[in-house]
């Protein structure tokens, strides 16, 4: 168990030390906040437009993060010989692969949490056609990012610590503080505490998106045992697009009795199960936590199948 925890923690630290991880997390979160500063002239539908846009940014940034991190966690270590060095110790291939996936899950949880803070902030800052940009909240949020980067630069220059990982941890702390300040401060009277206007229904949406990213990460990990970054990205994008259309391509024929379509429908990941934003436009305007639990069961089952495939591919992989 100690070897598993050590490999998982090392995998997580290696992933957040990648420049692309910090760039993707920062850019996607700031872009989510920026989307709330645009005047859409949506005739009252501005909150809906911003909500759908920021959640789409969260999903797409997580897509690239899952593939790039999976390739960094397995394919690069096989190519550089690090995997062979680790497996020469009393560590099984199963333990190595599962620990890498655990570190990958944690890294995706971090980037999803940062994006969620940006989404919640955007839901607080959105305005209609007669409103103005909430410059106070924008300044607080951007200031939290700047402070996190400055603190990471200070620790790197004076304490010789790794800039990337310190910047990620700094973003976790400062963005959380910044969001709490924005949540508690009213935009019209900057220093008056007001009732929260945050759309908290984005939280279950973000959790469902995180489940989808974990499934995609498991598929990317299986591809990374044999392929490099670009082929892995191509396959994952194809599976992502195919899964978005699985209800139409396979669901209808399977409902009409086609066993072949039924098999394809069961094998193909159905991403529509994790994208339930349209439910917020219905009368209840909520996402039941029971549905989130059922989606978690689907994600666990699919991740298990994808990791079993990854283990089969990795078991026969020549590491020399």
Protein backbone atom coordinates (compact mmCIF):
# COMPACT_ATOMS: atom_id res chain seq x y z
CA UNK A 1 0.00 0.00 0.00
CA UNK A 2 2.87 2.37 0.74
CA UNK A 3 4.27 1.85 -2.76
CA UNK A 4 0.85 2.61 -4.27
CA UNK A 5 0.47 5.87 -2.31
CA UNK A 6 4.04 6.93 -3.13
CA UNK A 7 3.62 6.33 -6.87
CA UNK A 8 0.21 8.06 -6.89
CA UNK A 9 1.52 11.14 -5.06
CA UNK A 10 4.59 11.31 -7.29
CA UNK A 11 2.40 10.99 -10.38
CA UNK A 12 0.16 13.81 -9.15
CA UNK A 13 3.13 16.07 -8.39
CA UNK A 14 4.70 15.35 -11.77
CA UNK A 15 1.47 16.21 -13.55
CA UNK A 16 0.91 19.55 -11.81
CA UNK A 17 4.55 20.45 -12.48
CA UNK A 18 3.89 20.33 -16.22
CA UNK A 19 3.74 23.85 -17.72
CA UNK A 20 0.77 22.82 -19.87
CA UNK A 21 -1.20 21.91 -16.74
CA UNK A 22 -0.71 25.35 -15.16
CA UNK A 23 -1.39 27.10 -18.46
CA UNK A 24 -4.57 25.10 -19.11
CA UNK A 25 -5.91 25.55 -15.58
CA UNK A 26 -5.23 29.30 -15.49
CA UNK A 27 -6.39 30.09 -19.03
CA UNK A 28 -9.63 28.10 -18.82
CA UNK A 29 -10.58 29.56 -15.42
CA UNK A 30 -9.89 33.14 -16.45
CA UNK A 31 -11.77 32.57 -19.70
CA UNK A 32 -14.80 31.37 -17.71
CA UNK A 33 -14.78 34.64 -15.76
CA UNK A 34 -14.24 36.64 -18.96
CA UNK A 35 -17.39 35.13 -20.49
CA UNK A 36 -19.44 36.85 -17.79
CA UNK A 37 -18.03 40.25 -18.78
CA UNK A 38 -19.47 40.20 -22.30
CA UNK A 39 -22.76 41.92 -23.14
CA UNK A 40 -24.77 39.26 -24.99
CA UNK A 41 -28.01 41.20 -25.49
CA UNK A 42 -29.76 37.93 -24.67
CA UNK A 43 -33.12 39.44 -23.64
CA UNK A 44 -32.93 37.99 -20.15
CA UNK A 45 -31.19 34.74 -21.10
CA UNK A 46 -27.71 35.99 -20.20
CA UNK A 47 -27.37 33.70 -17.12
CA UNK A 48 -28.29 30.69 -19.26
CA UNK A 49 -25.82 31.64 -22.02
CA UNK A 50 -22.99 32.19 -19.55
CA UNK A 51 -23.80 28.99 -17.63
CA UNK A 52 -23.76 26.81 -20.76
CA UNK A 53 -20.61 28.48 -22.08
CA UNK A 54 -18.53 28.16 -18.91
CA UNK A 55 -19.51 24.52 -18.38
CA UNK A 56 -18.55 23.80 -22.00
CA UNK A 57 -15.16 25.41 -21.35
CA UNK A 58 -14.78 23.21 -18.26
CA UNK A 59 -15.51 20.09 -20.30
CA UNK A 60 -13.20 20.94 -23.19
CA UNK A 61 -10.30 22.00 -20.98
CA UNK A 62 -10.71 18.80 -19.02
CA UNK A 63 -10.71 16.81 -22.26
CA UNK A 64 -7.31 18.11 -23.26
CA UNK A 65 -6.05 17.90 -19.69
CA UNK A 66 -7.08 14.24 -19.41
CA UNK A 67 -5.34 13.22 -22.63
CA UNK A 68 -2.17 15.23 -22.08
CA UNK A 69 -1.84 14.16 -18.46
CA UNK A 70 -2.48 10.50 -19.28
CA UNK A 71 0.23 10.59 -21.93
CA UNK A 72 2.62 12.29 -19.51
CA UNK A 73 1.82 9.76 -16.78
CA UNK A 74 2.41 6.59 -18.81
CA UNK A 75 3.64 7.07 -22.40
CA UNK A 76 6.44 9.46 -21.51
CA UNK A 77 7.64 7.32 -18.60
CA UNK A 78 7.74 4.26 -20.84
CA UNK A 79 9.68 6.22 -23.47
CA UNK A 80 12.19 7.65 -20.97
CA UNK A 81 12.68 4.36 -19.11
CA UNK A 82 11.26 5.61 -15.82
CA UNK A 83 8.56 2.93 -15.86
CA UNK A 84 11.16 0.19 -16.24
CA UNK A 85 13.14 1.59 -13.31
CA UNK A 86 10.04 1.64 -11.10
CA UNK A 87 8.94 -1.85 -12.10
CA UNK A 88 12.39 -3.23 -11.32
CA UNK A 89 11.46 -2.62 -7.67
CA UNK A 90 8.88 -4.78 -5.84
CA UNK A 91 6.03 -3.04 -7.70
CA UNK A 92 3.64 -4.93 -9.97
CA UNK A 93 2.42 -3.56 -13.28
CA UNK A 94 -1.13 -3.51 -11.94
CA UNK A 95 -0.08 -1.46 -8.93
CA UNK A 96 1.94 0.90 -11.12
CA UNK A 97 -0.93 1.52 -13.55
CA UNK A 98 -3.58 1.95 -10.85
CA UNK A 99 -1.38 4.39 -8.93
CA UNK A 100 -0.82 6.42 -12.09
CA UNK A 101 -4.57 6.56 -12.64
CA UNK A 102 -5.13 7.66 -9.04
CA UNK A 103 -2.68 10.53 -9.51
CA UNK A 104 -4.35 11.40 -12.80
CA UNK A 105 -7.79 11.47 -11.13
CA UNK A 106 -6.53 13.85 -8.46
CA UNK A 107 -4.94 16.15 -11.05
CA UNK A 108 -8.19 16.31 -13.01
CA UNK A 109 -10.08 17.02 -9.79
CA UNK A 110 -7.79 20.02 -9.20
CA UNK A 111 -8.31 21.52 -12.65
CA UNK A 112 -12.07 20.89 -12.43
CA UNK A 113 -12.22 22.59 -9.02
CA UNK A 114 -10.41 25.66 -10.36
CA UNK A 115 -12.76 25.79 -13.33
CA UNK A 116 -15.73 25.42 -10.97
CA UNK A 117 -14.57 28.47 -9.02
CA UNK A 118 -14.44 30.37 -12.30
CA UNK A 119 -17.93 29.14 -13.24
CA UNK A 120 -19.44 30.10 -9.88
CA UNK A 121 -17.77 33.50 -10.07
CA UNK A 122 -19.15 33.97 -13.56
CA UNK A 123 -22.66 33.15 -12.34
CA UNK A 124 -22.26 35.87 -9.72
CA UNK A 125 -20.89 38.44 -12.20
CA UNK A 126 -23.32 37.94 -15.09
CA UNK A 127 -25.45 40.97 -16.02
CA UNK A 128 -28.30 41.71 -18.41
CA UNK A 129 -28.46 44.17 -21.29
CA UNK A 130 -29.05 47.08 -18.92
CA UNK A 131 -26.26 46.20 -16.51
CA UNK A 132 -22.53 46.80 -16.45
CA UNK A 133 -19.45 44.73 -15.93
CA UNK A 134 -18.74 43.89 -12.30
CA UNK A 135 -15.23 45.37 -12.26
CA UNK A 136 -14.85 44.89 -8.52
CA UNK A 137 -15.36 41.13 -8.72
CA UNK A 138 -13.20 40.94 -11.83
CA UNK A 139 -10.40 42.79 -10.05
CA UNK A 140 -10.63 40.51 -7.01
CA UNK A 141 -10.51 37.33 -9.08
CA UNK A 142 -7.69 38.44 -11.38
CA UNK A 143 -5.85 39.79 -8.34
CA UNK A 144 -6.05 36.38 -6.67
CA UNK A 145 -4.40 34.83 -9.74
CA UNK A 146 -1.66 37.47 -9.75
CA UNK A 147 -0.99 36.98 -6.03
CA UNK A 148 -0.73 33.21 -6.52
CA UNK A 149 1.81 33.66 -9.32
CA UNK A 150 3.80 36.22 -7.34
CA UNK A 151 3.93 33.90 -4.32
CA UNK A 152 5.11 31.03 -6.53
CA UNK A 153 7.76 33.27 -8.06
CA UNK A 154 8.93 34.34 -4.61
CA UNK A 155 9.23 30.75 -3.38
CA UNK A 156 11.04 29.76 -6.56
CA UNK A 157 13.56 32.59 -6.40
CA UNK A 158 14.28 32.68 -2.69
CA UNK A 159 13.44 29.14 -1.52
CA UNK A 160 14.40 27.24 -4.70
CA UNK A 161 11.03 25.52 -4.83
CA UNK A 162 9.30 24.35 -8.02
CA UNK A 163 7.38 27.24 -9.56
CA UNK A 164 4.69 25.16 -11.30
CA UNK A 165 3.48 23.15 -8.34
CA UNK A 166 3.60 26.14 -5.99
CA UNK A 167 1.60 28.17 -8.52
CA UNK A 168 -1.07 25.44 -8.71
CA UNK A 169 -1.38 25.24 -4.93
CA UNK A 170 -1.37 29.03 -4.76
CA UNK A 171 -4.23 29.16 -7.26
CA UNK A 172 -6.20 26.67 -5.19
CA UNK A 173 -5.86 28.84 -2.10
CA UNK A 174 -6.11 32.32 -3.60
CA UNK A 175 -8.95 31.57 -6.02
CA UNK A 176 -10.95 30.04 -3.19
CA UNK A 177 -10.40 33.14 -1.06
CA UNK A 178 -11.20 35.40 -4.01
CA UNK A 179 -14.43 33.56 -4.74
CA UNK A 180 -15.54 33.76 -1.09
CA UNK A 181 -14.92 37.53 -1.13
CA UNK A 182 -16.87 37.92 -4.39
CA UNK A 183 -19.70 35.75 -3.07
CA UNK A 184 -20.09 37.77 0.12
CA UNK A 185 -19.67 41.25 -1.34
CA UNK A 186 -22.50 42.91 -3.28
CA UNK A 187 -21.59 44.47 -6.61
CA UNK A 188 -23.60 47.68 -6.08
CA UNK A 189 -22.39 48.38 -2.55
CA UNK A 190 -18.87 46.90 -2.60
CA UNK A 191 -18.42 46.49 1.14
CA UNK A 192 -21.94 45.37 2.06
CA UNK A 193 -22.68 41.71 2.59
CA UNK A 194 -25.62 40.61 0.43
CA UNK A 195 -27.55 37.45 -0.22
CA UNK A 196 -25.59 35.04 -2.43
CA UNK A 197 -26.50 35.10 -6.11
CA UNK A 198 -24.26 32.21 -7.06
CA UNK A 199 -25.82 29.45 -9.14
CA UNK A 200 -24.98 26.52 -6.86
CA UNK A 201 -26.57 24.05 -9.29
CA UNK A 202 -23.29 24.25 -11.20
CA UNK A 203 -21.73 22.12 -8.46
CA UNK A 204 -23.53 18.86 -9.42
CA UNK A 205 -22.95 19.76 -13.09
CA UNK A 206 -19.22 20.06 -12.39
CA UNK A 207 -19.20 16.76 -10.50
CA UNK A 208 -20.84 15.00 -13.44
CA UNK A 209 -18.29 16.57 -15.80
CA UNK A 210 -15.52 15.33 -13.52
CA UNK A 211 -16.95 11.80 -13.79
CA UNK A 212 -16.84 12.15 -17.59
CA UNK A 213 -13.23 13.32 -17.43
CA UNK A 214 -12.26 10.32 -15.29
CA UNK A 215 -13.83 7.98 -17.84
CA UNK A 216 -12.00 9.76 -20.63
CA UNK A 217 -8.78 9.62 -18.61
CA UNK A 218 -9.16 5.85 -18.22
CA UNK A 219 -9.55 5.50 -21.99
CA UNK A 220 -6.58 7.80 -22.58
CA UNK A 221 -4.51 5.77 -20.12
CA UNK A 222 -5.32 2.59 -22.05
CA UNK A 223 -4.23 4.26 -25.29
CA UNK A 224 -1.07 5.66 -23.67
CA UNK A 225 0.20 2.17 -22.85
CA UNK A 226 0.81 1.70 -26.58
CA UNK A 227 0.61 5.11 -28.27
CA UNK A 228 2.11 8.58 -28.00
CA UNK A 229 0.33 11.87 -27.36
CA UNK A 230 -1.03 12.71 -30.84
CA UNK A 231 -2.53 9.27 -31.61
CA UNK A 232 -3.99 9.15 -28.10
CA UNK A 233 -5.54 12.59 -28.54
CA UNK A 234 -6.99 11.60 -31.92
CA UNK A 235 -8.57 8.41 -30.58
CA UNK A 236 -10.00 10.17 -27.51
CA UNK A 237 -11.49 12.97 -29.59
CA UNK A 238 -13.06 10.38 -31.90
CA UNK A 239 -14.49 8.49 -28.92
CA UNK A 240 -15.74 11.76 -27.47
CA UNK A 241 -17.56 12.73 -30.66
CA UNK A 242 -18.91 9.19 -31.13
CA UNK A 243 -20.16 9.13 -27.54
CA UNK A 244 -22.01 12.40 -28.04
CA UNK A 245 -23.96 10.80 -30.90
CA UNK A 246 -24.37 7.34 -29.39
CA UNK A 247 -28.04 7.86 -28.51
CA UNK A 248 -28.82 8.65 -32.14
CA UNK A 249 -26.44 6.19 -33.82
CA UNK A 250 -26.88 3.17 -31.56
CA UNK A 251 -29.61 3.94 -29.02
CA UNK A 252 -32.52 4.04 -31.47
CA UNK A 253 -31.54 0.87 -33.42
CA UNK A 254 -30.92 -0.91 -30.09
CA UNK A 255 -34.41 0.07 -28.95
CA UNK A 256 -35.80 -1.42 -32.16
CA UNK A 257 -34.19 -4.79 -31.43
CA UNK A 258 -30.80 -4.66 -33.18
CA UNK A 259 -28.39 -6.71 -31.06
CA UNK A 260 -25.35 -5.33 -32.86
CA UNK A 261 -26.44 -1.76 -32.13
CA UNK A 262 -27.09 -2.82 -28.53
CA UNK A 263 -23.52 -4.08 -28.16
CA UNK A 264 -22.12 -0.89 -29.73
CA UNK A 265 -24.37 1.21 -27.49
CA UNK A 266 -23.08 -0.59 -24.39
CA UNK A 267 -19.43 -0.28 -25.39
CA UNK A 268 -19.51 3.37 -26.48
CA UNK A 269 -19.27 5.87 -23.60
CA UNK A 270 -22.45 7.93 -23.45
CA UNK A 271 -21.33 11.43 -22.57
CA UNK A 272 -24.90 12.71 -22.59
CA UNK A 273 -25.37 11.02 -19.21
CA UNK A 274 -22.87 13.51 -17.75
CA UNK A 275 -24.12 16.63 -19.57
CA UNK A 276 -27.42 17.49 -17.90
CA UNK A 277 -27.31 21.28 -18.15
CA UNK A 278 -30.64 21.29 -19.98
CA UNK A 279 -32.28 19.94 -16.82
CA UNK A 280 -31.65 23.33 -15.18
CA UNK A 281 -34.02 24.93 -17.71
CA UNK A 282 -36.91 22.72 -16.66
CA UNK A 283 -39.46 23.53 -13.98
CA UNK A 284 -37.51 21.99 -11.07
CA UNK A 285 -34.25 23.73 -12.10
CA UNK A 286 -32.26 21.25 -10.01
CA UNK A 287 -30.19 18.13 -10.57
CA UNK A 288 -31.09 15.37 -8.08
CA UNK A 289 -28.16 14.01 -6.13
CA UNK A 290 -29.61 10.56 -6.68
CA UNK A 291 -28.92 10.97 -10.38
CA UNK A 292 -25.35 12.04 -9.58
CA UNK A 293 -24.94 8.84 -7.55
CA UNK A 294 -26.23 6.71 -10.46
CA UNK A 295 -23.89 8.50 -12.85
CA UNK A 296 -21.03 7.76 -10.44
CA UNK A 297 -21.91 4.07 -10.66
CA UNK A 298 -21.79 4.22 -14.46
CA UNK A 299 -18.44 6.03 -14.33
CA UNK A 300 -16.98 3.45 -11.92
CA UNK A 301 -18.13 0.56 -14.13
CA UNK A 302 -16.77 2.14 -17.31
CA UNK A 303 -13.48 3.14 -15.69
CA UNK A 304 -13.11 -0.43 -14.45
CA UNK A 305 -13.61 -1.79 -17.96
CA UNK A 306 -11.21 0.75 -19.50
CA UNK A 307 -8.55 0.06 -16.86
CA UNK A 308 -8.94 -3.69 -17.40
CA UNK A 309 -8.22 -3.09 -21.09
CA UNK A 310 -5.29 -0.87 -20.15
CA UNK A 311 -3.91 -3.61 -17.92
CA UNK A 312 -4.14 -6.17 -20.73
CA UNK A 313 -2.30 -3.85 -23.11
CA UNK A 314 0.30 -2.86 -20.52
CA UNK A 315 0.97 -6.42 -19.36
CA UNK A 316 2.27 -7.39 -22.82
CA UNK A 317 4.13 -4.13 -23.43
CA UNK A 318 7.89 -4.48 -23.80
CA UNK A 319 9.45 -1.74 -21.68
CA UNK A 320 13.02 -2.16 -22.87
